[in-house]
Amino acid sequence: MPSKPAPLNKMTMLIPFVKYYLSKGFDIKDITILEGISFETLLDPNQLLTSKTMNIAVVQMSELMGEKTLGFNIGWEMAQKKNGPFAQFLSEDCSLNDCLSAVIRHFDSESTAGSHQYIVSSDFVTISGKRTYDSEVNDRRQGDATFVGFFLGLIESKIPNKWQGDSFLIQLTDPSLIPNELIPKQSMVKSVKNHISIQFPSAWLEVYSSNCTITTINQDYSETITTQLFATNKAKRVTMKEVATMAGMSVREFKGRLKSDGLTFPQFLLKIKIEKACELLNDNRWSIEEIALQLGYVSTANFCRAFKNRCGETPLKYRNSINVRGAES
């Protein structure tokens, strides 16, 4: 049975999921996954909303309340009412493009579920999330619905006049978690495994406040891969599937990106290794041997040969030329 709601002066500070749950008269003690979590944490609206703990909590809340679309509704409400961990990026004066790019840049720091991208083409905008968990496990599906609800709520709040005039392509594990009455009727919702995406016409980005300018953000997949590749020490032996995962793409998507850039997989790996080498050669603390090892080369000679073929000079000569230019300036 529902218990007496928490006092309103305390509830106004709660993270959105907990606030909504308590406002309906339910007892937080019934959410077993939250046992041991301090009340101070639950009072912080900026706490992680996409962690495994919070996802499981929302599943339990939705079951107890009989609200299957709870995750979506909370995401929608966070965007519409500008609360939760991304409230600082939802300014009234900010364009849709600027809001989306700001949120997605900070989303990875709030999420333990996977990697996220914001891609703008001439025709479409795609917001996507590549999940690192098994989609057959239900404890994350409500979090995915929250992801969709939040971004749809954000888009609707920025361009309400265009909302019903076009459609979305929405992909997520369990489409039944989306309330049909909140999205345009022309929208297509598909079930996919370990992936979430929302696609809409890029022309919508042209609707913006006179105080803002649009700066299109295209995901630099090579930078994303480079960061992870050399941080995880996988540069020596890495497969295309592993690299695609680092970029938050399927192998097919990754192959398509390489093809559009006119690169084969070996050419791509060489490109990012040489770019990383140039970065490291700017730092005299790294020896040539150490750089070769960090880039995954089995010998320094192999590294020097590859670098010279690509850059027209040896790593040592490249470093010396950098030092000379630095001294002259």
C-alpha atoms as a PDB file:
ATOM      1  CA  MET A   1       0.000   0.000   0.000  1.00  0.00           C
ATOM      2  CA  PRO A   2       1.263   3.506  -0.732  1.00  0.00           C
ATOM      3  CA  SER A   3       2.486   5.417   2.301  1.00  0.00           C
ATOM      4  CA  LYS A   4       2.238   9.093   3.155  1.00  0.00           C
ATOM      5  CA  PRO A   5       4.209  11.245   0.666  1.00  0.00           C
ATOM      6  CA  ALA A   6       7.411  12.954   1.793  1.00  0.00           C
ATOM      7  CA  PRO A   7       7.144  16.612   2.878  1.00  0.00           C
ATOM      8  CA  LEU A   8       6.965  18.918  -0.124  1.00  0.00           C
ATOM      9  CA  ASN A   9       9.883  21.103   0.941  1.00  0.00           C
ATOM     10  CA  LYS A  10      12.155  18.044   0.766  1.00  0.00           C
ATOM     11  CA  MET A  11      10.606  16.570  -2.372  1.00  0.00           C
ATOM     12  CA  THR A  12      11.376  19.654  -4.449  1.00  0.00           C
ATOM     13  CA  MET A  13      15.066  18.757  -4.160  1.00  0.00           C
ATOM     14  CA  LEU A  14      14.795  15.067  -5.022  1.00  0.00           C
ATOM     15  CA  ILE A  15      16.130  13.538  -8.206  1.00  0.00           C
ATOM     16  CA  PRO A  16      13.216  13.380 -10.675  1.00  0.00           C
ATOM     17  CA  PHE A  17      12.566   9.611 -10.463  1.00  0.00           C
ATOM     18  CA  VAL A  18      12.379   9.573  -6.691  1.00  0.00           C
ATOM     19  CA  LYS A  19      10.409  12.824  -6.534  1.00  0.00           C
ATOM     20  CA  TYR A  20       7.737  11.507  -8.906  1.00  0.00           C
ATOM     21  CA  TYR A  21       7.536   8.160  -7.131  1.00  0.00           C
ATOM     22  CA  LEU A  22       7.040   9.749  -3.708  1.00  0.00           C
ATOM     23  CA  SER A  23       4.555  12.294  -5.050  1.00  0.00           C
ATOM     24  CA  LYS A  24       2.260   9.389  -5.910  1.00  0.00           C
ATOM     25  CA  GLY A  25       2.270   8.245  -2.288  1.00  0.00           C
ATOM     26  CA  PHE A  26       4.678   5.309  -2.530  1.00  0.00           C
ATOM     27  CA  ASP A  27       7.337   4.397   0.015  1.00  0.00           C
ATOM     28  CA  ILE A  28      11.002   4.636  -1.004  1.00  0.00           C
ATOM     29  CA  LYS A  29      11.756   1.710   1.324  1.00  0.00           C
ATOM     30  CA  ASP A  30      10.031  -0.581  -1.164  1.00  0.00           C
ATOM     31  CA  ILE A  31      12.793   0.093  -3.715  1.00  0.00           C
ATOM     32  CA  THR A  32      15.298  -2.503  -2.543  1.00  0.00           C
ATOM     33  CA  ILE A  33      18.084  -1.404  -4.882  1.00  0.00           C
ATOM     34  CA  LEU A  34      18.233   1.969  -3.082  1.00  0.00           C
ATOM     35  CA  GLU A  35      18.886   0.410   0.309  1.00  0.00           C
ATOM     36  CA  GLY A  36      22.122   1.750   1.749  1.00  0.00           C
ATOM     37  CA  ILE A  37      22.108   4.868  -0.426  1.00  0.00           C
ATOM     38  CA  SER A  38      22.178   7.973   1.750  1.00  0.00           C
ATOM     39  CA  PHE A  39      19.249  10.357   1.817  1.00  0.00           C
ATOM     40  CA  GLU A  40      21.662  13.147   0.857  1.00  0.00           C
ATOM     41  CA  THR A  41      22.340  11.322  -2.401  1.00  0.00           C
ATOM     42  CA  LEU A  42      18.635  10.966  -3.135  1.00  0.00           C
ATOM     43  CA  LEU A  43      18.201  14.674  -2.441  1.00  0.00           C
ATOM     44  CA  ASP A  44      20.719  15.600  -5.134  1.00  0.00           C
ATOM     45  CA  PRO A  45      18.978  16.282  -8.485  1.00  0.00           C
ATOM     46  CA  ASN A  46      22.348  16.065 -10.231  1.00  0.00           C
ATOM     47  CA  GLN A  47      22.997  12.453  -9.271  1.00  0.00           C
ATOM     48  CA  LEU A  48      23.529   9.930 -12.061  1.00  0.00           C
ATOM     49  CA  LEU A  49      20.268   8.955 -13.721  1.00  0.00           C
ATOM     50  CA  THR A  50      21.646   6.389 -16.132  1.00  0.00           C
ATOM     51  CA  SER A  51      23.685   4.244 -13.784  1.00  0.00           C
ATOM     52  CA  LYS A  52      22.772   0.600 -13.317  1.00  0.00           C
ATOM     53  CA  THR A  53      21.398   1.309  -9.842  1.00  0.00           C
ATOM     54  CA  MET A  54      19.051   4.016 -11.061  1.00  0.00           C
ATOM     55  CA  ASN A  55      17.853   1.907 -13.987  1.00  0.00           C
ATOM     56  CA  ILE A  56      16.970  -0.980 -11.700  1.00  0.00           C
ATOM     57  CA  ALA A  57      15.246   1.443  -9.315  1.00  0.00           C
ATOM     58  CA  VAL A  58      13.074   2.810 -12.120  1.00  0.00           C
ATOM     59  CA  VAL A  59      12.110  -0.726 -13.162  1.00  0.00           C
ATOM     60  CA  GLN A  60      11.015  -1.445  -9.601  1.00  0.00           C
ATOM     61  CA  MET A  61       9.150   1.864  -9.359  1.00  0.00           C
ATOM     62  CA  SER A  62       7.322   1.295 -12.653  1.00  0.00           C
ATOM     63  CA  GLU A  63       6.242  -2.175 -11.545  1.00  0.00           C
ATOM     64  CA  LEU A  64       5.009  -0.968  -8.148  1.00  0.00           C
ATOM     65  CA  MET A  65       3.164   1.985  -9.687  1.00  0.00           C
ATOM     66  CA  GLY A  66       1.842   0.058 -12.670  1.00  0.00           C
ATOM     67  CA  GLU A  67       3.323   2.670 -15.039  1.00  0.00           C
ATOM     68  CA  LYS A  68       5.205   0.940 -17.839  1.00  0.00           C
ATOM     69  CA  THR A  69       6.149   4.244 -19.473  1.00  0.00           C
ATOM     70  CA  LEU A  70       7.590   5.756 -16.276  1.00  0.00           C
ATOM     71  CA  GLY A  71      11.143   6.062 -17.661  1.00  0.00           C
ATOM     72  CA  PHE A  72      10.001   7.877 -20.806  1.00  0.00           C
ATOM     73  CA  ASN A  73       7.675  10.183 -18.876  1.00  0.00           C
ATOM     74  CA  ILE A  74      10.415  11.197 -16.434  1.00  0.00           C
ATOM     75  CA  GLY A  75      12.858  11.896 -19.267  1.00  0.00           C
ATOM     76  CA  TRP A  76      10.210  13.996 -21.016  1.00  0.00           C
ATOM     77  CA  GLU A  77       9.460  15.909 -17.829  1.00  0.00           C
ATOM     78  CA  MET A  78      13.149  16.624 -17.141  1.00  0.00           C
ATOM     79  CA  ALA A  79      13.460  18.257 -20.558  1.00  0.00           C
ATOM     80  CA  GLN A  80      10.148  20.112 -20.430  1.00  0.00           C
ATOM     81  CA  LYS A  81      10.571  21.413 -16.874  1.00  0.00           C
ATOM     82  CA  LYS A  82      14.351  21.860 -17.195  1.00  0.00           C
ATOM     83  CA  ASN A  83      15.346  19.840 -14.137  1.00  0.00           C
ATOM     84  CA  GLY A  84      17.770  16.978 -13.552  1.00  0.00           C
ATOM     85  CA  PRO A  85      21.515  16.802 -14.297  1.00  0.00           C
ATOM     86  CA  PHE A  86      21.313  18.613 -17.660  1.00  0.00           C
ATOM     87  CA  ALA A  87      19.228  21.592 -16.557  1.00  0.00           C
ATOM     88  CA  GLN A  88      22.168  23.977 -17.061  1.00  0.00           C
ATOM     89  CA  PHE A  89      22.164  23.196 -20.811  1.00  0.00           C
ATOM     90  CA  LEU A  90      18.440  23.812 -21.367  1.00  0.00           C
ATOM     91  CA  SER A  91      18.431  27.602 -21.436  1.00  0.00           C
ATOM     92  CA  GLU A  92      15.466  29.352 -23.074  1.00  0.00           C
ATOM     93  CA  ASP A  93      17.863  31.396 -25.222  1.00  0.00           C
ATOM     94  CA  CYS A  94      19.803  28.386 -26.478  1.00  0.00           C
ATOM     95  CA  SER A  95      19.099  26.987 -29.949  1.00  0.00           C
ATOM     96  CA  LEU A  96      17.994  23.382 -30.411  1.00  0.00           C
ATOM     97  CA  ASN A  97      21.346  22.584 -31.996  1.00  0.00           C
ATOM     98  CA  ASP A  98      23.341  24.126 -29.163  1.00  0.00           C
ATOM     99  CA  CYS A  99      21.257  22.364 -26.510  1.00  0.00           C
ATOM    100  CA  LEU A 100      21.595  18.972 -28.178  1.00  0.00           C
ATOM    101  CA  SER A 101      25.328  19.286 -28.728  1.00  0.00           C
ATOM    102  CA  ALA A 102      25.947  20.496 -25.167  1.00  0.00           C
ATOM    103  CA  VAL A 103      23.904  17.690 -23.609  1.00  0.00           C
ATOM    104  CA  ILE A 104      25.413  14.905 -25.700  1.00  0.00           C
ATOM    105  CA  ARG A 105      28.937  16.139 -24.934  1.00  0.00           C
ATOM    106  CA  HIS A 106      28.233  15.767 -21.233  1.00  0.00           C
ATOM    107  CA  PHE A 107      26.034  12.680 -21.465  1.00  0.00           C
ATOM    108  CA  ASP A 108      28.951  10.239 -21.386  1.00  0.00           C
ATOM    109  CA  SER A 109      30.069  11.632 -18.043  1.00  0.00           C
ATOM    110  CA  GLU A 110      26.588  10.907 -16.675  1.00  0.00           C
ATOM    111  CA  SER A 111      26.202   7.456 -18.235  1.00  0.00           C
ATOM    112  CA  THR A 112      27.658   4.065 -17.435  1.00  0.00           C
ATOM    113  CA  ALA A 113      25.619   2.416 -20.165  1.00  0.00           C
ATOM    114  CA  GLY A 114      27.588   3.156 -23.324  1.00  0.00           C
ATOM    115  CA  SER A 115      28.819   5.790 -25.760  1.00  0.00           C
ATOM    116  CA  HIS A 116      26.737   8.495 -27.430  1.00  0.00           C
ATOM    117  CA  GLN A 117      26.862  10.487 -30.659  1.00  0.00           C
ATOM    118  CA  TYR A 118      25.300  13.583 -32.177  1.00  0.00           C
ATOM    119  CA  ILE A 119      25.627  13.589 -35.964  1.00  0.00           C
ATOM    120  CA  VAL A 120      24.335  16.292 -38.305  1.00  0.00           C
ATOM    121  CA  SER A 121      24.096  15.621 -42.048  1.00  0.00           C
ATOM    122  CA  SER A 122      22.534  17.695 -44.818  1.00  0.00           C
ATOM    123  CA  ASP A 123      19.236  15.844 -44.419  1.00  0.00           C
ATOM    124  CA  PHE A 124      19.002  14.379 -40.933  1.00  0.00           C
ATOM    125  CA  VAL A 125      20.102  14.780 -37.335  1.00  0.00           C
ATOM    126  CA  THR A 126      20.840  11.559 -35.452  1.00  0.00           C
ATOM    127  CA  ILE A 127      21.179  11.239 -31.683  1.00  0.00           C
ATOM    128  CA  SER A 128      22.319   7.761 -30.774  1.00  0.00           C
ATOM    129  CA  GLY A 129      23.596   5.592 -27.967  1.00  0.00           C
ATOM    130  CA  LYS A 130      25.562   2.375 -28.328  1.00  0.00           C
ATOM    131  CA  ARG A 131      24.890   0.214 -25.282  1.00  0.00           C
ATOM    132  CA  THR A 132      27.564  -1.897 -23.595  1.00  0.00           C
ATOM    133  CA  TYR A 133      25.114  -4.233 -21.884  1.00  0.00           C
ATOM    134  CA  ASP A 134      22.931  -7.148 -22.992  1.00  0.00           C
ATOM    135  CA  SER A 135      19.586  -5.794 -24.174  1.00  0.00           C
ATOM    136  CA  GLU A 136      17.911  -8.975 -22.994  1.00  0.00           C
ATOM    137  CA  VAL A 137      18.448  -7.799 -19.424  1.00  0.00           C
ATOM    138  CA  ASN A 138      15.428  -5.700 -18.437  1.00  0.00           C
ATOM    139  CA  ASP A 139      17.167  -3.575 -15.801  1.00  0.00           C
ATOM    140  CA  ARG A 140      18.403  -1.073 -18.403  1.00  0.00           C
ATOM    141  CA  ARG A 141      15.378  -0.698 -20.661  1.00  0.00           C
ATOM    142  CA  GLN A 142      13.699   1.980 -18.580  1.00  0.00           C
ATOM    143  CA  GLY A 143      16.927   3.996 -18.758  1.00  0.00           C
ATOM    144  CA  ASP A 144      16.848   3.735 -22.543  1.00  0.00           C
ATOM    145  CA  ALA A 145      13.244   4.951 -22.551  1.00  0.00           C
ATOM    146  CA  THR A 146      14.336   7.886 -20.370  1.00  0.00           C
ATOM    147  CA  PHE A 147      17.030   8.714 -22.959  1.00  0.00           C
ATOM    148  CA  VAL A 148      14.397   8.816 -25.721  1.00  0.00           C
ATOM    149  CA  GLY A 149      11.895  10.714 -23.590  1.00  0.00           C
ATOM    150  CA  PHE A 150      14.440  13.342 -22.585  1.00  0.00           C
ATOM    151  CA  PHE A 151      15.600  14.145 -26.117  1.00  0.00           C
ATOM    152  CA  LEU A 152      12.089  14.112 -27.590  1.00  0.00           C
ATOM    153  CA  GLY A 153      10.939  16.399 -24.768  1.00  0.00           C
ATOM    154  CA  LEU A 154      13.859  18.721 -25.445  1.00  0.00           C
ATOM    155  CA  ILE A 155      13.134  18.878 -29.174  1.00  0.00           C
ATOM    156  CA  GLU A 156       9.406  19.507 -28.613  1.00  0.00           C
ATOM    157  CA  SER A 157      10.140  22.310 -26.139  1.00  0.00           C
ATOM    158  CA  LYS A 158      12.359  24.082 -28.680  1.00  0.00           C
ATOM    159  CA  ILE A 159      10.255  23.697 -31.832  1.00  0.00           C
ATOM    160  CA  PRO A 160       6.620  23.109 -30.798  1.00  0.00           C
ATOM    161  CA  ASN A 161       5.284  24.520 -34.080  1.00  0.00           C
ATOM    162  CA  LYS A 162       7.073  21.851 -36.118  1.00  0.00           C
ATOM    163  CA  TRP A 163       6.383  18.987 -33.740  1.00  0.00           C
ATOM    164  CA  GLN A 164       3.338  17.539 -35.522  1.00  0.00           C
ATOM    165  CA  GLY A 165       4.448  18.527 -39.005  1.00  0.00           C
ATOM    166  CA  ASP A 166       7.018  15.813 -39.523  1.00  0.00           C
ATOM    167  CA  SER A 167       8.121  12.497 -38.071  1.00  0.00           C
ATOM    168  CA  PHE A 168      10.853  10.773 -36.131  1.00  0.00           C
ATOM    169  CA  LEU A 169      12.627   7.492 -36.643  1.00  0.00           C
ATOM    170  CA  ILE A 170      13.116   6.066 -33.150  1.00  0.00           C
ATOM    171  CA  GLN A 171      15.022   2.890 -32.334  1.00  0.00           C
ATOM    172  CA  LEU A 172      15.296   1.227 -28.937  1.00  0.00           C
ATOM    173  CA  THR A 173      15.099  -2.204 -27.352  1.00  0.00           C
ATOM    174  CA  ASP A 174      11.478  -2.075 -26.177  1.00  0.00           C
ATOM    175  CA  PRO A 175       9.160   0.257 -28.167  1.00  0.00           C
ATOM    176  CA  SER A 176       6.256  -0.516 -25.819  1.00  0.00           C
ATOM    177  CA  LEU A 177       7.905   1.746 -23.215  1.00  0.00           C
ATOM    178  CA  ILE A 178       7.078   4.832 -25.336  1.00  0.00           C
ATOM    179  CA  PRO A 179       3.594   6.368 -24.913  1.00  0.00           C
ATOM    180  CA  ASN A 180       2.224   6.825 -28.430  1.00  0.00           C
ATOM    181  CA  GLU A 181       0.221   9.908 -27.497  1.00  0.00           C
ATOM    182  CA  LEU A 182       3.393  11.927 -26.821  1.00  0.00           C
ATOM    183  CA  ILE A 183       5.068  11.514 -30.210  1.00  0.00           C
ATOM    184  CA  PRO A 184       3.920  12.614 -33.692  1.00  0.00           C
ATOM    185  CA  LYS A 185       1.658  10.021 -35.334  1.00  0.00           C
ATOM    186  CA  GLN A 186       3.890   9.843 -38.405  1.00  0.00           C
ATOM    187  CA  SER A 187       6.834   8.612 -36.317  1.00  0.00           C
ATOM    188  CA  MET A 188       8.279   5.151 -36.839  1.00  0.00           C
ATOM    189  CA  VAL A 189       9.447   3.237 -33.769  1.00  0.00           C
ATOM    190  CA  LYS A 190      11.609   0.145 -34.284  1.00  0.00           C
ATOM    191  CA  SER A 191      12.979  -2.497 -31.950  1.00  0.00           C
ATOM    192  CA  VAL A 192      16.750  -2.984 -32.073  1.00  0.00           C
ATOM    193  CA  LYS A 193      19.334  -4.670 -29.863  1.00  0.00           C
ATOM    194  CA  ASN A 194      21.870  -2.707 -27.790  1.00  0.00           C
ATOM    195  CA  HIS A 195      21.248   0.549 -29.626  1.00  0.00           C
ATOM    196  CA  ILE A 196      19.135   3.673 -29.225  1.00  0.00           C
ATOM    197  CA  SER A 197      18.673   6.374 -31.830  1.00  0.00           C
ATOM    198  CA  ILE A 198      16.430   9.313 -32.639  1.00  0.00           C
ATOM    199  CA  GLN A 199      16.459  10.777 -36.154  1.00  0.00           C
ATOM    200  CA  PHE A 200      14.690  13.919 -37.386  1.00  0.00           C
ATOM    201  CA  PRO A 201      15.070  16.437 -40.249  1.00  0.00           C
ATOM    202  CA  SER A 202      18.154  18.634 -39.976  1.00  0.00           C
ATOM    203  CA  ALA A 203      16.050  21.586 -41.181  1.00  0.00           C
ATOM    204  CA  TRP A 204      14.608  21.732 -37.669  1.00  0.00           C
ATOM    205  CA  LEU A 205      17.951  23.061 -36.455  1.00  0.00           C
ATOM    206  CA  GLU A 206      17.262  26.260 -38.349  1.00  0.00           C
ATOM    207  CA  VAL A 207      14.685  27.210 -35.699  1.00  0.00           C
ATOM    208  CA  TYR A 208      16.706  29.128 -33.143  1.00  0.00           C
ATOM    209  CA  SER A 209      16.727  32.154 -30.897  1.00  0.00           C
ATOM    210  CA  SER A 210      17.998  35.437 -32.323  1.00  0.00           C
ATOM    211  CA  ASN A 211      20.526  35.435 -29.477  1.00  0.00           C
ATOM    212  CA  CYS A 212      22.195  32.248 -30.736  1.00  0.00           C
ATOM    213  CA  THR A 213      24.127  31.055 -33.729  1.00  0.00           C
ATOM    214  CA  ILE A 214      24.157  27.509 -35.054  1.00  0.00           C
ATOM    215  CA  THR A 215      27.399  25.564 -34.949  1.00  0.00           C
ATOM    216  CA  THR A 216      26.955  22.136 -36.478  1.00  0.00           C
ATOM    217  CA  ILE A 217      28.624  19.366 -34.499  1.00  0.00           C
ATOM    218  CA  ASN A 218      29.794  16.293 -36.401  1.00  0.00           C
ATOM    219  CA  GLN A 219      31.050  13.344 -34.387  1.00  0.00           C
ATOM    220  CA  ASP A 220      34.791  12.849 -34.928  1.00  0.00           C
ATOM    221  CA  TYR A 221      34.829   9.073 -34.767  1.00  0.00           C
ATOM    222  CA  SER A 222      38.594   8.897 -35.320  1.00  0.00           C
ATOM    223  CA  GLU A 223      39.226  11.056 -32.242  1.00  0.00           C
ATOM    224  CA  THR A 224      36.887   8.877 -30.177  1.00  0.00           C
ATOM    225  CA  ILE A 225      38.701   5.739 -31.303  1.00  0.00           C
ATOM    226  CA  THR A 226      42.149   7.248 -30.795  1.00  0.00           C
ATOM    227  CA  THR A 227      41.341   8.201 -27.213  1.00  0.00           C
ATOM    228  CA  GLN A 228      40.136   4.709 -26.339  1.00  0.00           C
ATOM    229  CA  LEU A 229      42.637   2.785 -28.433  1.00  0.00           C
ATOM    230  CA  PHE A 230      45.741   4.154 -26.775  1.00  0.00           C
ATOM    231  CA  ALA A 231      44.176   4.415 -23.329  1.00  0.00           C
ATOM    232  CA  THR A 232      43.327   0.697 -23.292  1.00  0.00           C
ATOM    233  CA  ASN A 233      46.690  -0.442 -24.684  1.00  0.00           C
ATOM    234  CA  LYS A 234      44.981  -2.311 -27.526  1.00  0.00           C
ATOM    235  CA  ALA A 235      46.927  -0.668 -30.308  1.00  0.00           C
ATOM    236  CA  LYS A 236      49.117  -3.717 -30.873  1.00  0.00           C
ATOM    237  CA  ARG A 237      46.378  -6.152 -31.852  1.00  0.00           C
ATOM    238  CA  VAL A 238      42.942  -4.762 -32.540  1.00  0.00           C
ATOM    239  CA  THR A 239      40.072  -6.034 -34.681  1.00  0.00           C
ATOM    240  CA  MET A 240      37.622  -4.039 -36.753  1.00  0.00           C
ATOM    241  CA  LYS A 241      34.816  -5.091 -34.411  1.00  0.00           C
ATOM    242  CA  GLU A 242      36.718  -3.759 -31.381  1.00  0.00           C
ATOM    243  CA  VAL A 243      37.418  -0.447 -33.101  1.00  0.00           C
ATOM    244  CA  ALA A 244      33.807  -0.103 -34.264  1.00  0.00           C
ATOM    245  CA  THR A 245      32.667  -0.646 -30.673  1.00  0.00           C
ATOM    246  CA  MET A 246      35.007   2.111 -29.508  1.00  0.00           C
ATOM    247  CA  ALA A 247      33.269   4.450 -31.965  1.00  0.00           C
ATOM    248  CA  GLY A 248      29.817   3.365 -30.794  1.00  0.00           C
ATOM    249  CA  MET A 249      29.018   1.847 -34.201  1.00  0.00           C
ATOM    250  CA  SER A 250      28.198  -1.526 -35.670  1.00  0.00           C
ATOM    251  CA  VAL A 251      30.841  -3.050 -37.954  1.00  0.00           C
ATOM    252  CA  ARG A 252      28.616  -2.256 -40.909  1.00  0.00           C
ATOM    253  CA  GLU A 253      28.272   1.397 -39.887  1.00  0.00           C
ATOM    254  CA  PHE A 254      32.001   1.668 -39.291  1.00  0.00           C
ATOM    255  CA  LYS A 255      32.804   0.200 -42.697  1.00  0.00           C
ATOM    256  CA  GLY A 256      30.443   2.743 -44.238  1.00  0.00           C
ATOM    257  CA  ARG A 257      32.219   5.620 -42.502  1.00  0.00           C
ATOM    258  CA  LEU A 258      35.611   4.354 -43.640  1.00  0.00           C
ATOM    259  CA  LYS A 259      34.352   3.994 -47.204  1.00  0.00           C
ATOM    260  CA  SER A 260      32.943   7.530 -47.213  1.00  0.00           C
ATOM    261  CA  ASP A 261      36.359   8.774 -46.040  1.00  0.00           C
ATOM    262  CA  GLY A 262      38.150   6.742 -48.727  1.00  0.00           C
ATOM    263  CA  LEU A 263      40.032   4.566 -46.233  1.00  0.00           C
ATOM    264  CA  THR A 264      40.562   0.870 -45.678  1.00  0.00           C
ATOM    265  CA  PHE A 265      40.778  -0.407 -42.112  1.00  0.00           C
ATOM    266  CA  PRO A 266      44.612  -0.785 -42.184  1.00  0.00           C
ATOM    267  CA  GLN A 267      44.914   2.718 -43.677  1.00  0.00           C
ATOM    268  CA  PHE A 268      42.707   4.113 -40.920  1.00  0.00           C
ATOM    269  CA  LEU A 269      44.777   2.444 -38.192  1.00  0.00           C
ATOM    270  CA  LEU A 270      48.001   3.768 -39.730  1.00  0.00           C
ATOM    271  CA  LYS A 271      46.500   7.252 -40.010  1.00  0.00           C
ATOM    272  CA  ILE A 272      45.542   7.516 -36.340  1.00  0.00           C
ATOM    273  CA  LYS A 273      48.833   5.925 -35.217  1.00  0.00           C
ATOM    274  CA  ILE A 274      50.880   8.464 -37.159  1.00  0.00           C
ATOM    275  CA  GLU A 275      48.722  11.321 -35.890  1.00  0.00           C
ATOM    276  CA  LYS A 276      49.260  10.060 -32.349  1.00  0.00           C
ATOM    277  CA  ALA A 277      52.967   9.690 -33.023  1.00  0.00           C
ATOM    278  CA  CYS A 278      53.209  13.330 -34.127  1.00  0.00           C
ATOM    279  CA  GLU A 279      51.475  14.366 -30.915  1.00  0.00           C
ATOM    280  CA  LEU A 280      53.877  12.319 -28.778  1.00  0.00           C
ATOM    281  CA  LEU A 281      56.947  13.512 -30.693  1.00  0.00           C
ATOM    282  CA  ASN A 282      56.096  17.052 -29.582  1.00  0.00           C
ATOM    283  CA  ASP A 283      56.848  15.920 -26.026  1.00  0.00           C
ATOM    284  CA  ASN A 284      60.582  15.314 -25.526  1.00  0.00           C
ATOM    285  CA  ARG A 285      59.903  13.240 -22.437  1.00  0.00           C
ATOM    286  CA  TRP A 286      58.968  10.318 -24.701  1.00  0.00           C
ATOM    287  CA  SER A 287      61.796   8.448 -26.412  1.00  0.00           C
ATOM    288  CA  ILE A 288      61.324   7.112 -29.940  1.00  0.00           C
ATOM    289  CA  GLU A 289      61.387   3.569 -28.525  1.00  0.00           C
ATOM    290  CA  GLU A 290      58.679   4.388 -25.971  1.00  0.00           C
ATOM    291  CA  ILE A 291      56.471   5.959 -28.627  1.00  0.00           C
ATOM    292  CA  ALA A 292      56.815   2.924 -30.882  1.00  0.00           C
ATOM    293  CA  LEU A 293      55.820   0.668 -27.986  1.00  0.00           C
ATOM    294  CA  GLN A 294      52.821   2.808 -27.067  1.00  0.00           C
ATOM    295  CA  LEU A 295      51.606   2.727 -30.661  1.00  0.00           C
ATOM    296  CA  GLY A 296      51.761  -1.066 -30.709  1.00  0.00           C
ATOM    297  CA  TYR A 297      54.733  -1.585 -33.018  1.00  0.00           C
ATOM    298  CA  VAL A 298      56.746  -4.761 -32.439  1.00  0.00           C
ATOM    299  CA  SER A 299      59.982  -2.891 -33.105  1.00  0.00           C
ATOM    300  CA  THR A 300      61.234   0.665 -33.273  1.00  0.00           C
ATOM    301  CA  ALA A 301      62.521   0.018 -36.794  1.00  0.00           C
ATOM    302  CA  ASN A 302      59.020  -0.883 -37.997  1.00  0.00           C
ATOM    303  CA  PHE A 303      57.645   2.306 -36.471  1.00  0.00           C
ATOM    304  CA  CYS A 304      60.364   4.483 -38.030  1.00  0.00           C
ATOM    305  CA  ARG A 305      59.777   2.885 -41.423  1.00  0.00           C
ATOM    306  CA  ALA A 306      56.006   3.426 -41.266  1.00  0.00           C
ATOM    307  CA  PHE A 307      56.430   7.014 -40.084  1.00  0.00           C
ATOM    308  CA  LYS A 308      58.891   7.879 -42.845  1.00  0.00           C
ATOM    309  CA  ASN A 309      56.667   6.337 -45.520  1.00  0.00           C
ATOM    310  CA  ARG A 310      53.774   8.439 -44.292  1.00  0.00           C
ATOM    311  CA  CYS A 311      55.507  11.717 -43.398  1.00  0.00           C
ATOM    312  CA  GLY A 312      58.574  11.706 -45.617  1.00  0.00           C
ATOM    313  CA  GLU A 313      61.056  11.865 -42.732  1.00  0.00           C
ATOM    314  CA  THR A 314      62.096   9.798 -39.737  1.00  0.00           C
ATOM    315  CA  PRO A 315      60.521  10.384 -36.305  1.00  0.00           C
ATOM    316  CA  LEU A 316      63.836  11.757 -35.002  1.00  0.00           C
ATOM    317  CA  LYS A 317      64.159  14.238 -37.881  1.00  0.00           C
ATOM    318  CA  TYR A 318      60.519  15.276 -37.363  1.00  0.00           C
ATOM    319  CA  ARG A 319      61.174  15.880 -33.656  1.00  0.00           C
ATOM    320  CA  ASN A 320      64.368  17.831 -34.354  1.00  0.00           C
ATOM    321  CA  SER A 321      62.548  20.065 -36.838  1.00  0.00           C
ATOM    322  CA  ILE A 322      59.866  20.762 -34.198  1.00  0.00           C
ATOM    323  CA  ASN A 323      62.530  21.698 -31.648  1.00  0.00           C
ATOM    324  CA  VAL A 324      64.237  24.009 -34.141  1.00  0.00           C
ATOM    325  CA  ARG A 325      60.961  25.780 -34.947  1.00  0.00           C
ATOM    326  CA  GLY A 326      60.252  26.097 -31.248  1.00  0.00           C
ATOM    327  CA  ALA A 327      63.676  27.637 -30.565  1.00  0.00           C
ATOM    328  CA  GLU A 328      63.310  30.121 -33.433  1.00  0.00           C
ATOM    329  CA  SER A 329      59.944  31.303 -32.170  1.00  0.00           C
END
